[in-house]
Amino acid sequence: MNNFKKHAHALILMIDEILKEKGKSRYWLSKQTGISQGQLSQYFNLDVTPGLDVYLKLLHTLDVIIFFEDKENDTDLAKLFNQAMDALGRRNNKLRNN
């Protein structure tokens, strides 16, 4: 199994644990996201690897925020994030600028 698959599997398993921690069911997640229970089962059984859009939808539904970290610490990720949000016109005024 390549590294991408390993990380993808780890992420979906983490999402499953978050669901349990929050006391939510896969049925609830299906209803909230519009993703069928069968499709969710394929993701959580590691039969199918979801795309980034699906991960983001699942995490958003669970009110989970993800962030990026620069291992070499030579990139101002907060600045780049703010620039991207501004360019998209999606800056949430409730969020502070980093």
C-alpha atoms as a PDB file:
ATOM      1  CA  MET A   1       0.000   0.000   0.000  1.00  0.00           C
ATOM      2  CA  ASN A   2       1.415   3.397  -0.943  1.00  0.00           C
ATOM      3  CA  ASN A   3       1.721   6.330   1.468  1.00  0.00           C
ATOM      4  CA  PHE A   4      -1.244   8.148  -0.038  1.00  0.00           C
ATOM      5  CA  LYS A   5      -3.536   5.185   0.659  1.00  0.00           C
ATOM      6  CA  LYS A   6      -2.166   4.834   4.190  1.00  0.00           C
ATOM      7  CA  HIS A   7      -2.844   8.482   4.946  1.00  0.00           C
ATOM      8  CA  ALA A   8      -6.260   8.353   3.297  1.00  0.00           C
ATOM      9  CA  HIS A   9      -7.197   5.312   5.372  1.00  0.00           C
ATOM     10  CA  ALA A  10      -5.915   6.939   8.554  1.00  0.00           C
ATOM     11  CA  LEU A  11      -8.008  10.035   7.868  1.00  0.00           C
ATOM     12  CA  ILE A  12     -11.254   8.153   7.260  1.00  0.00           C
ATOM     13  CA  LEU A  13     -10.663   6.035  10.374  1.00  0.00           C
ATOM     14  CA  MET A  14     -10.062   9.242  12.353  1.00  0.00           C
ATOM     15  CA  ILE A  15     -13.335  10.643  11.043  1.00  0.00           C
ATOM     16  CA  ASP A  16     -15.063   7.450  12.194  1.00  0.00           C
ATOM     17  CA  GLU A  17     -13.585   7.914  15.674  1.00  0.00           C
ATOM     18  CA  ILE A  18     -14.716  11.554  15.739  1.00  0.00           C
ATOM     19  CA  LEU A  19     -18.224  10.377  14.868  1.00  0.00           C
ATOM     20  CA  LYS A  20     -18.181   7.977  17.818  1.00  0.00           C
ATOM     21  CA  GLU A  21     -16.715  10.597  20.164  1.00  0.00           C
ATOM     22  CA  LYS A  22     -19.485  13.027  19.218  1.00  0.00           C
ATOM     23  CA  GLY A  23     -22.142  10.338  19.695  1.00  0.00           C
ATOM     24  CA  LYS A  24     -23.210  10.547  16.059  1.00  0.00           C
ATOM     25  CA  SER A  25     -24.062   7.640  13.778  1.00  0.00           C
ATOM     26  CA  ARG A  26     -23.140   6.960  10.198  1.00  0.00           C
ATOM     27  CA  TYR A  27     -26.848   7.223   9.455  1.00  0.00           C
ATOM     28  CA  TRP A  28     -26.813  10.775  10.863  1.00  0.00           C
ATOM     29  CA  LEU A  29     -23.716  11.594   8.804  1.00  0.00           C
ATOM     30  CA  SER A  30     -25.411  10.241   5.699  1.00  0.00           C
ATOM     31  CA  LYS A  31     -28.483  12.394   6.257  1.00  0.00           C
ATOM     32  CA  GLN A  32     -26.418  15.509   7.000  1.00  0.00           C
ATOM     33  CA  THR A  33     -24.094  15.171   4.021  1.00  0.00           C
ATOM     34  CA  GLY A  34     -26.367  13.617   1.413  1.00  0.00           C
ATOM     35  CA  ILE A  35     -23.848  10.797   0.951  1.00  0.00           C
ATOM     36  CA  SER A  36     -25.636   7.452   0.855  1.00  0.00           C
ATOM     37  CA  GLN A  37     -25.138   5.009   3.704  1.00  0.00           C
ATOM     38  CA  GLY A  38     -23.789   2.487   1.213  1.00  0.00           C
ATOM     39  CA  GLN A  39     -21.161   4.918  -0.041  1.00  0.00           C
ATOM     40  CA  LEU A  40     -20.178   5.863   3.508  1.00  0.00           C
ATOM     41  CA  SER A  41     -19.836   2.171   4.347  1.00  0.00           C
ATOM     42  CA  GLN A  42     -17.468   1.737   1.419  1.00  0.00           C
ATOM     43  CA  TYR A  43     -15.352   4.612   2.755  1.00  0.00           C
ATOM     44  CA  PHE A  44     -15.330   3.422   6.371  1.00  0.00           C
ATOM     45  CA  ASN A  45     -14.652  -0.202   5.349  1.00  0.00           C
ATOM     46  CA  LEU A  46     -11.685   1.105   3.331  1.00  0.00           C
ATOM     47  CA  ASP A  47     -13.092  -0.341   0.107  1.00  0.00           C
ATOM     48  CA  VAL A  48     -13.147   3.047  -1.623  1.00  0.00           C
ATOM     49  CA  THR A  49     -10.924   6.066  -1.032  1.00  0.00           C
ATOM     50  CA  PRO A  50     -12.952   9.280  -1.037  1.00  0.00           C
ATOM     51  CA  GLY A  51     -11.767  12.419  -2.752  1.00  0.00           C
ATOM     52  CA  LEU A  52     -10.666  15.541  -0.923  1.00  0.00           C
ATOM     53  CA  ASP A  53     -14.100  17.100  -1.442  1.00  0.00           C
ATOM     54  CA  VAL A  54     -15.696  14.237   0.494  1.00  0.00           C
ATOM     55  CA  TYR A  55     -13.211  14.486   3.366  1.00  0.00           C
ATOM     56  CA  LEU A  56     -13.860  18.210   3.611  1.00  0.00           C
ATOM     57  CA  LYS A  57     -17.630  17.680   3.561  1.00  0.00           C
ATOM     58  CA  LEU A  58     -17.415  15.059   6.310  1.00  0.00           C
ATOM     59  CA  LEU A  59     -15.150  17.196   8.482  1.00  0.00           C
ATOM     60  CA  HIS A  60     -17.251  20.315   7.940  1.00  0.00           C
ATOM     61  CA  THR A  61     -20.394  18.406   8.918  1.00  0.00           C
ATOM     62  CA  LEU A  62     -18.664  17.289  12.115  1.00  0.00           C
ATOM     63  CA  ASP A  63     -17.481  20.864  12.854  1.00  0.00           C
ATOM     64  CA  VAL A  64     -13.857  19.779  12.641  1.00  0.00           C
ATOM     65  CA  ILE A  65     -11.233  22.229  11.460  1.00  0.00           C
ATOM     66  CA  ILE A  66      -8.082  20.993   9.790  1.00  0.00           C
ATOM     67  CA  PHE A  67      -4.851  22.883   9.389  1.00  0.00           C
ATOM     68  CA  PHE A  68      -1.569  22.593   7.591  1.00  0.00           C
ATOM     69  CA  GLU A  69       1.869  22.591   9.133  1.00  0.00           C
ATOM     70  CA  ASP A  70       5.109  23.274   7.326  1.00  0.00           C
ATOM     71  CA  LYS A  71       7.646  20.764   8.658  1.00  0.00           C
ATOM     72  CA  GLU A  72      10.559  22.913   7.544  1.00  0.00           C
ATOM     73  CA  ASN A  73       8.913  26.038   8.965  1.00  0.00           C
ATOM     74  CA  ASP A  74       9.996  28.173   6.014  1.00  0.00           C
ATOM     75  CA  THR A  75       6.537  29.094   4.692  1.00  0.00           C
ATOM     76  CA  ASP A  76       4.058  31.491   6.271  1.00  0.00           C
ATOM     77  CA  LEU A  77       1.019  29.233   5.924  1.00  0.00           C
ATOM     78  CA  ALA A  78      -1.272  31.596   7.819  1.00  0.00           C
ATOM     79  CA  LYS A  79      -0.459  34.387   5.372  1.00  0.00           C
ATOM     80  CA  LEU A  80      -1.032  32.102   2.380  1.00  0.00           C
ATOM     81  CA  PHE A  81      -4.332  30.909   3.859  1.00  0.00           C
ATOM     82  CA  ASN A  82      -5.519  34.481   4.358  1.00  0.00           C
ATOM     83  CA  GLN A  83      -4.540  35.364   0.795  1.00  0.00           C
ATOM     84  CA  ALA A  84      -6.426  32.355  -0.554  1.00  0.00           C
ATOM     85  CA  MET A  85      -9.535  33.172   1.485  1.00  0.00           C
ATOM     86  CA  ASP A  86      -9.425  36.812   0.370  1.00  0.00           C
ATOM     87  CA  ALA A  87      -8.974  35.770  -3.272  1.00  0.00           C
ATOM     88  CA  LEU A  88     -12.019  33.516  -2.986  1.00  0.00           C
ATOM     89  CA  GLY A  89     -14.024  36.211  -1.244  1.00  0.00           C
ATOM     90  CA  ARG A  90     -14.719  33.693   1.479  1.00  0.00           C
ATOM     91  CA  ARG A  91     -13.205  35.416   4.490  1.00  0.00           C
ATOM     92  CA  ASN A  92     -15.485  34.775   7.433  1.00  0.00           C
ATOM     93  CA  ASN A  93     -15.591  38.052   9.363  1.00  0.00           C
ATOM     94  CA  LYS A  94     -15.870  36.079  12.578  1.00  0.00           C
ATOM     95  CA  LEU A  95     -12.392  34.654  12.047  1.00  0.00           C
ATOM     96  CA  ARG A  96      -9.388  36.646  13.089  1.00  0.00           C
ATOM     97  CA  ASN A  97      -6.626  37.288  10.587  1.00  0.00           C
ATOM     98  CA  ASN A  98      -3.605  35.145  11.403  1.00  0.00           C
END
